[in-house]
Amino acid sequence: MNKNNYDEVINGKDTYKVIADSLRKGETVGIGWSDEMGTHLDIIFKLGINIKCGNFQRGIKTNYLFVSIIAHASYGFCVENGRKLGGYIQEKLRMQDECGDKLAELINGIIEVLNKKE
């Protein structure tokens, strides 16, 4: 993964690929991530869920990319439809600033790798 001088994960092709490859294997991925502007977030990624009981609100399906930001918010994003608008990701994860832009870049980078045919 791409990392800064403080050993925090940062955006980059290696980060997107390692996370996407791990998710494809059914693994759950947790990272200590930095937007490189002073914000650190602990983020957990999971592609799909094994058991879903009851109806989820907001149309979330079992095969979505689930993103949880510890002590903030979480949401499930459809991978098949490709890139998401930055504002959409920011709204769903409640990160409406420059950090939200970087977070959207991270999630879209992972989605793009997940959608590539290997």
N, C-alpha and C. Protein backbone atom coordinates (compact mmCIF):
# COMPACT_ATOMS: atom_id res chain seq x y z
N MET A 1 0.84 -1.18 0.00
CA MET A 1 0.00 0.00 0.00
C MET A 1 0.88 1.24 0.00
N ASN A 2 0.33 2.32 -0.50
CA ASN A 2 1.03 3.60 -0.43
C ASN A 2 0.92 4.12 1.00
N LYS A 3 2.05 4.62 1.54
CA LYS A 3 2.06 5.14 2.92
C LYS A 3 2.86 6.43 2.98
N ASN A 4 2.55 7.24 3.98
CA ASN A 4 3.31 8.47 4.21
C ASN A 4 4.41 8.22 5.24
N ASN A 5 5.10 9.27 5.66
CA ASN A 5 6.20 9.15 6.62
C ASN A 5 5.77 8.69 8.00
N TYR A 6 4.47 8.78 8.30
CA TYR A 6 3.93 8.37 9.60
C TYR A 6 3.32 6.98 9.56
N ASP A 7 3.58 6.24 8.47
CA ASP A 7 3.08 4.88 8.27
C ASP A 7 1.56 4.84 8.13
N GLU A 8 0.95 5.95 7.73
CA GLU A 8 -0.48 5.99 7.45
C GLU A 8 -0.70 5.65 5.99
N VAL A 9 -1.76 4.93 5.70
CA VAL A 9 -2.11 4.61 4.32
C VAL A 9 -2.60 5.89 3.65
N ILE A 10 -2.16 6.09 2.41
CA ILE A 10 -2.60 7.24 1.62
C ILE A 10 -3.10 6.75 0.26
N ASN A 11 -3.77 7.61 -0.46
CA ASN A 11 -4.30 7.27 -1.78
C ASN A 11 -3.16 6.97 -2.75
N GLY A 12 -3.41 6.05 -3.64
CA GLY A 12 -2.46 5.69 -4.68
C GLY A 12 -2.84 4.36 -5.30
N LYS A 13 -2.28 4.09 -6.46
CA LYS A 13 -2.61 2.87 -7.20
C LYS A 13 -2.36 1.61 -6.39
N ASP A 14 -1.25 1.57 -5.65
CA ASP A 14 -0.95 0.38 -4.84
C ASP A 14 -2.00 0.19 -3.75
N THR A 15 -2.43 1.27 -3.14
CA THR A 15 -3.45 1.19 -2.09
C THR A 15 -4.74 0.62 -2.66
N TYR A 16 -5.19 1.17 -3.78
CA TYR A 16 -6.44 0.70 -4.38
C TYR A 16 -6.35 -0.78 -4.75
N LYS A 17 -5.22 -1.18 -5.34
CA LYS A 17 -5.06 -2.56 -5.79
C LYS A 17 -5.01 -3.55 -4.63
N VAL A 18 -4.23 -3.24 -3.60
CA VAL A 18 -4.12 -4.16 -2.46
C VAL A 18 -5.48 -4.33 -1.78
N ILE A 19 -6.19 -3.23 -1.59
CA ILE A 19 -7.50 -3.32 -0.94
C ILE A 19 -8.46 -4.11 -1.82
N ALA A 20 -8.54 -3.78 -3.10
CA ALA A 20 -9.46 -4.47 -4.02
C ALA A 20 -9.14 -5.96 -4.11
N ASP A 21 -7.87 -6.31 -4.23
CA ASP A 21 -7.48 -7.72 -4.32
C ASP A 21 -7.86 -8.47 -3.04
N SER A 22 -7.67 -7.86 -1.91
CA SER A 22 -8.04 -8.49 -0.63
C SER A 22 -9.55 -8.66 -0.53
N LEU A 23 -10.29 -7.65 -0.96
CA LEU A 23 -11.76 -7.73 -0.92
C LEU A 23 -12.27 -8.84 -1.83
N ARG A 24 -11.65 -9.00 -3.00
CA ARG A 24 -12.05 -10.07 -3.93
C ARG A 24 -11.88 -11.44 -3.30
N LYS A 25 -10.91 -11.59 -2.41
CA LYS A 25 -10.65 -12.86 -1.72
C LYS A 25 -11.62 -13.08 -0.56
N GLY A 26 -12.51 -12.13 -0.33
CA GLY A 26 -13.46 -12.26 0.78
C GLY A 26 -12.95 -11.73 2.09
N GLU A 27 -11.81 -11.05 2.06
CA GLU A 27 -11.23 -10.52 3.29
C GLU A 27 -11.84 -9.17 3.65
N THR A 28 -11.83 -8.87 4.92
CA THR A 28 -12.20 -7.55 5.42
C THR A 28 -10.91 -6.77 5.60
N VAL A 29 -10.90 -5.52 5.17
CA VAL A 29 -9.68 -4.71 5.20
C VAL A 29 -9.88 -3.50 6.12
N GLY A 30 -8.96 -3.30 7.03
CA GLY A 30 -8.96 -2.12 7.89
C GLY A 30 -7.68 -1.33 7.66
N ILE A 31 -7.81 -0.02 7.51
CA ILE A 31 -6.63 0.82 7.30
C ILE A 31 -6.67 2.05 8.20
N GLY A 32 -5.51 2.50 8.60
CA GLY A 32 -5.34 3.80 9.22
C GLY A 32 -4.95 4.74 8.09
N TRP A 33 -5.86 5.60 7.67
CA TRP A 33 -5.74 6.37 6.44
C TRP A 33 -5.57 7.86 6.72
N SER A 34 -4.80 8.53 5.87
CA SER A 34 -4.64 9.98 5.97
C SER A 34 -4.98 10.63 4.64
N ASP A 35 -5.62 11.79 4.74
CA ASP A 35 -5.90 12.58 3.53
C ASP A 35 -4.69 13.42 3.14
N GLU A 36 -3.61 13.35 3.91
CA GLU A 36 -2.37 14.10 3.72
C GLU A 36 -2.55 15.60 3.95
N MET A 37 -3.63 15.96 4.64
CA MET A 37 -3.88 17.36 5.00
C MET A 37 -4.13 17.50 6.49
N GLY A 38 -3.74 16.47 7.26
CA GLY A 38 -3.86 16.54 8.70
C GLY A 38 -4.97 15.70 9.31
N THR A 39 -5.77 15.02 8.49
CA THR A 39 -6.85 14.19 9.02
C THR A 39 -6.47 12.73 8.93
N HIS A 40 -6.72 11.99 10.01
CA HIS A 40 -6.51 10.54 10.05
C HIS A 40 -7.86 9.89 10.32
N LEU A 41 -8.19 8.86 9.53
CA LEU A 41 -9.41 8.09 9.73
C LEU A 41 -9.08 6.61 9.78
N ASP A 42 -9.78 5.89 10.64
CA ASP A 42 -9.69 4.44 10.67
C ASP A 42 -10.87 3.91 9.86
N ILE A 43 -10.57 3.19 8.78
CA ILE A 43 -11.61 2.80 7.82
C ILE A 43 -11.59 1.28 7.65
N ILE A 44 -12.78 0.69 7.62
CA ILE A 44 -12.93 -0.74 7.39
C ILE A 44 -13.72 -0.93 6.10
N PHE A 45 -13.23 -1.81 5.23
CA PHE A 45 -13.87 -2.14 3.97
C PHE A 45 -14.28 -3.61 3.98
N LYS A 46 -15.46 -3.89 3.43
CA LYS A 46 -15.94 -5.27 3.27
C LYS A 46 -16.75 -5.32 1.99
N LEU A 47 -16.43 -6.26 1.12
CA LEU A 47 -17.18 -6.42 -0.12
C LEU A 47 -18.23 -7.50 0.10
N GLY A 48 -19.47 -7.07 0.16
CA GLY A 48 -20.58 -7.99 0.41
C GLY A 48 -20.69 -8.40 1.87
N ILE A 49 -21.86 -8.88 2.20
CA ILE A 49 -22.07 -9.43 3.54
C ILE A 49 -22.63 -10.84 3.40
N ASN A 50 -22.32 -11.68 4.35
CA ASN A 50 -22.69 -13.09 4.26
C ASN A 50 -24.16 -13.34 4.59
N ILE A 51 -24.67 -12.65 5.58
CA ILE A 51 -26.05 -12.85 6.01
C ILE A 51 -26.73 -11.50 6.14
N LYS A 52 -27.91 -11.39 5.57
CA LYS A 52 -28.71 -10.17 5.69
C LYS A 52 -30.11 -10.58 6.11
N CYS A 53 -30.58 -10.06 7.20
CA CYS A 53 -31.91 -10.36 7.69
C CYS A 53 -32.76 -9.10 7.66
N GLY A 54 -33.95 -9.20 7.17
CA GLY A 54 -34.83 -8.04 7.10
C GLY A 54 -34.47 -7.16 5.92
N ASN A 55 -35.30 -6.15 5.70
CA ASN A 55 -35.08 -5.22 4.60
C ASN A 55 -34.22 -4.06 5.06
N PHE A 56 -33.17 -3.77 4.30
CA PHE A 56 -32.34 -2.61 4.57
C PHE A 56 -32.99 -1.37 3.97
N GLN A 57 -32.89 -0.27 4.63
CA GLN A 57 -33.33 1.00 4.09
C GLN A 57 -32.31 1.45 3.04
N ARG A 58 -32.61 2.43 2.26
CA ARG A 58 -31.71 3.05 1.29
C ARG A 58 -31.31 2.14 0.14
N GLY A 59 -31.97 1.00 -0.05
CA GLY A 59 -31.72 0.15 -1.20
C GLY A 59 -30.40 -0.60 -1.19
N ILE A 60 -29.76 -0.70 -0.06
CA ILE A 60 -28.45 -1.37 0.03
C ILE A 60 -28.63 -2.87 -0.17
N LYS A 61 -27.79 -3.46 -1.02
CA LYS A 61 -27.83 -4.88 -1.35
C LYS A 61 -26.66 -5.60 -0.68
N THR A 62 -26.74 -6.93 -0.63
CA THR A 62 -25.71 -7.72 0.05
C THR A 62 -24.36 -7.70 -0.65
N ASN A 63 -24.32 -7.39 -1.96
CA ASN A 63 -23.05 -7.45 -2.69
C ASN A 63 -22.33 -6.09 -2.77
N TYR A 64 -22.78 -5.10 -2.04
CA TYR A 64 -22.19 -3.76 -2.09
C TYR A 64 -20.83 -3.71 -1.39
N LEU A 65 -20.10 -2.65 -1.67
CA LEU A 65 -18.86 -2.34 -0.96
C LEU A 65 -19.24 -1.56 0.29
N PHE A 66 -19.02 -2.15 1.44
CA PHE A 66 -19.35 -1.50 2.70
C PHE A 66 -18.12 -0.78 3.23
N VAL A 67 -18.31 0.50 3.55
CA VAL A 67 -17.24 1.36 4.05
C VAL A 67 -17.67 1.90 5.40
N SER A 68 -16.88 1.62 6.41
CA SER A 68 -17.17 2.11 7.76
C SER A 68 -16.02 2.97 8.24
N ILE A 69 -16.33 4.18 8.63
CA ILE A 69 -15.33 5.06 9.21
C ILE A 69 -15.60 5.07 10.71
N ILE A 70 -14.66 4.56 11.46
CA ILE A 70 -14.84 4.41 12.90
C ILE A 70 -15.17 5.77 13.51
N ALA A 71 -16.21 5.81 14.34
CA ALA A 71 -16.68 6.99 15.07
C ALA A 71 -17.27 8.07 14.14
N HIS A 72 -17.59 7.71 12.88
CA HIS A 72 -18.18 8.67 11.95
C HIS A 72 -19.46 8.12 11.36
N ALA A 73 -19.33 7.39 10.26
CA ALA A 73 -20.48 6.89 9.52
C ALA A 73 -20.07 5.66 8.73
N SER A 74 -21.07 4.98 8.19
CA SER A 74 -20.80 3.85 7.29
C SER A 74 -21.88 3.84 6.22
N TYR A 75 -21.54 3.19 5.09
CA TYR A 75 -22.49 3.12 3.99
C TYR A 75 -22.09 1.99 3.06
N GLY A 76 -23.04 1.51 2.27
CA GLY A 76 -22.78 0.49 1.26
C GLY A 76 -22.91 1.09 -0.12
N PHE A 77 -21.89 0.92 -0.95
CA PHE A 77 -21.86 1.49 -2.29
C PHE A 77 -21.92 0.38 -3.34
N CYS A 78 -22.76 0.56 -4.35
CA CYS A 78 -22.86 -0.38 -5.45
C CYS A 78 -21.58 -0.29 -6.29
N VAL A 79 -20.95 -1.42 -6.49
CA VAL A 79 -19.69 -1.46 -7.25
C VAL A 79 -19.95 -1.55 -8.76
N GLU A 80 -20.98 -2.29 -9.14
CA GLU A 80 -21.24 -2.56 -10.56
C GLU A 80 -21.48 -1.30 -11.39
N ASN A 81 -22.00 -0.25 -10.79
CA ASN A 81 -22.31 0.97 -11.54
C ASN A 81 -21.11 1.88 -11.72
N GLY A 82 -19.93 1.46 -11.29
CA GLY A 82 -18.72 2.24 -11.51
C GLY A 82 -18.56 3.40 -10.54
N ARG A 83 -17.78 4.38 -10.98
CA ARG A 83 -17.43 5.54 -10.15
C ARG A 83 -18.66 6.24 -9.61
N LYS A 84 -18.50 6.79 -8.43
CA LYS A 84 -19.56 7.58 -7.79
C LYS A 84 -19.15 9.04 -7.80
N LEU A 85 -20.11 9.92 -7.87
CA LEU A 85 -19.81 11.34 -7.74
C LEU A 85 -19.25 11.61 -6.35
N GLY A 86 -18.24 12.47 -6.29
CA GLY A 86 -17.61 12.78 -5.02
C GLY A 86 -18.61 13.30 -4.00
N GLY A 87 -19.54 14.14 -4.44
CA GLY A 87 -20.54 14.69 -3.54
C GLY A 87 -21.45 13.62 -2.96
N TYR A 88 -21.74 12.57 -3.74
CA TYR A 88 -22.57 11.46 -3.28
C TYR A 88 -21.87 10.71 -2.15
N ILE A 89 -20.60 10.38 -2.36
CA ILE A 89 -19.83 9.68 -1.33
C ILE A 89 -19.72 10.55 -0.09
N GLN A 90 -19.44 11.82 -0.27
CA GLN A 90 -19.31 12.73 0.87
C GLN A 90 -20.60 12.81 1.66
N GLU A 91 -21.71 12.89 0.97
CA GLU A 91 -23.00 12.98 1.65
C GLU A 91 -23.26 11.72 2.47
N LYS A 92 -23.04 10.56 1.88
CA LYS A 92 -23.34 9.30 2.55
C LYS A 92 -22.43 9.04 3.75
N LEU A 93 -21.17 9.51 3.67
CA LEU A 93 -20.23 9.29 4.78
C LEU A 93 -20.04 10.54 5.65
N ARG A 94 -20.81 11.57 5.37
CA ARG A 94 -20.83 12.80 6.18
C ARG A 94 -19.45 13.46 6.28
N MET A 95 -18.79 13.58 5.15
CA MET A 95 -17.46 14.19 5.08
C MET A 95 -17.48 15.25 3.99
N GLN A 96 -17.97 16.43 4.30
CA GLN A 96 -18.23 17.48 3.30
C GLN A 96 -17.11 18.52 3.23
N ASP A 97 -15.90 18.10 2.92
CA ASP A 97 -14.78 19.04 2.87
C ASP A 97 -13.67 18.46 2.00
N GLU A 98 -12.48 19.03 2.10
CA GLU A 98 -11.35 18.53 1.31
C GLU A 98 -11.04 17.08 1.65
N CYS A 99 -11.20 16.71 2.92
CA CYS A 99 -11.00 15.32 3.31
C CYS A 99 -12.00 14.42 2.59
N GLY A 100 -13.22 14.90 2.45
CA GLY A 100 -14.24 14.16 1.72
C GLY A 100 -13.86 13.95 0.27
N ASP A 101 -13.21 14.93 -0.34
CA ASP A 101 -12.74 14.78 -1.72
C ASP A 101 -11.73 13.64 -1.81
N LYS A 102 -10.80 13.60 -0.87
CA LYS A 102 -9.77 12.55 -0.85
C LYS A 102 -10.38 11.19 -0.54
N LEU A 103 -11.37 11.18 0.34
CA LEU A 103 -12.06 9.94 0.67
C LEU A 103 -12.81 9.40 -0.55
N ALA A 104 -13.47 10.27 -1.29
CA ALA A 104 -14.15 9.87 -2.52
C ALA A 104 -13.14 9.32 -3.53
N GLU A 105 -11.96 9.93 -3.61
CA GLU A 105 -10.90 9.45 -4.49
C GLU A 105 -10.48 8.03 -4.11
N LEU A 106 -10.36 7.77 -2.80
CA LEU A 106 -9.99 6.44 -2.30
C LEU A 106 -11.05 5.41 -2.69
N ILE A 107 -12.30 5.70 -2.40
CA ILE A 107 -13.38 4.74 -2.67
C ILE A 107 -13.53 4.51 -4.17
N ASN A 108 -13.49 5.56 -4.97
CA ASN A 108 -13.59 5.40 -6.41
C ASN A 108 -12.40 4.63 -6.98
N GLY A 109 -11.22 4.84 -6.42
CA GLY A 109 -10.04 4.08 -6.86
C GLY A 109 -10.22 2.59 -6.62
N ILE A 110 -10.77 2.24 -5.47
CA ILE A 110 -11.03 0.83 -5.15
C ILE A 110 -12.10 0.27 -6.08
N ILE A 111 -13.18 1.01 -6.28
CA ILE A 111 -14.26 0.57 -7.17
C ILE A 111 -13.74 0.34 -8.59
N GLU A 112 -12.89 1.22 -9.08
CA GLU A 112 -12.34 1.07 -10.43
C GLU A 112 -11.53 -0.23 -10.55
N VAL A 113 -10.71 -0.53 -9.56
CA VAL A 113 -9.93 -1.77 -9.60
C VAL A 113 -10.85 -2.98 -9.50
N LEU A 114 -11.86 -2.91 -8.65
CA LEU A 114 -12.80 -4.03 -8.53
C LEU A 114 -13.53 -4.30 -9.84
N ASN A 115 -13.75 -3.29 -10.63
CA ASN A 115 -14.48 -3.45 -11.90
C ASN A 115 -13.58 -3.87 -13.08
N LYS A 116 -12.26 -3.84 -12.90
CA LYS A 116 -11.36 -4.26 -13.98
C LYS A 116 -11.38 -5.77 -14.10
N LYS A 117 -11.39 -6.24 -15.32
CA LYS A 117 -11.31 -7.68 -15.59
C LYS A 117 -9.86 -8.12 -15.44
N GLU A 118 -9.66 -9.17 -14.70
CA GLU A 118 -8.29 -9.65 -14.48
C GLU A 118 -7.94 -10.76 -15.41
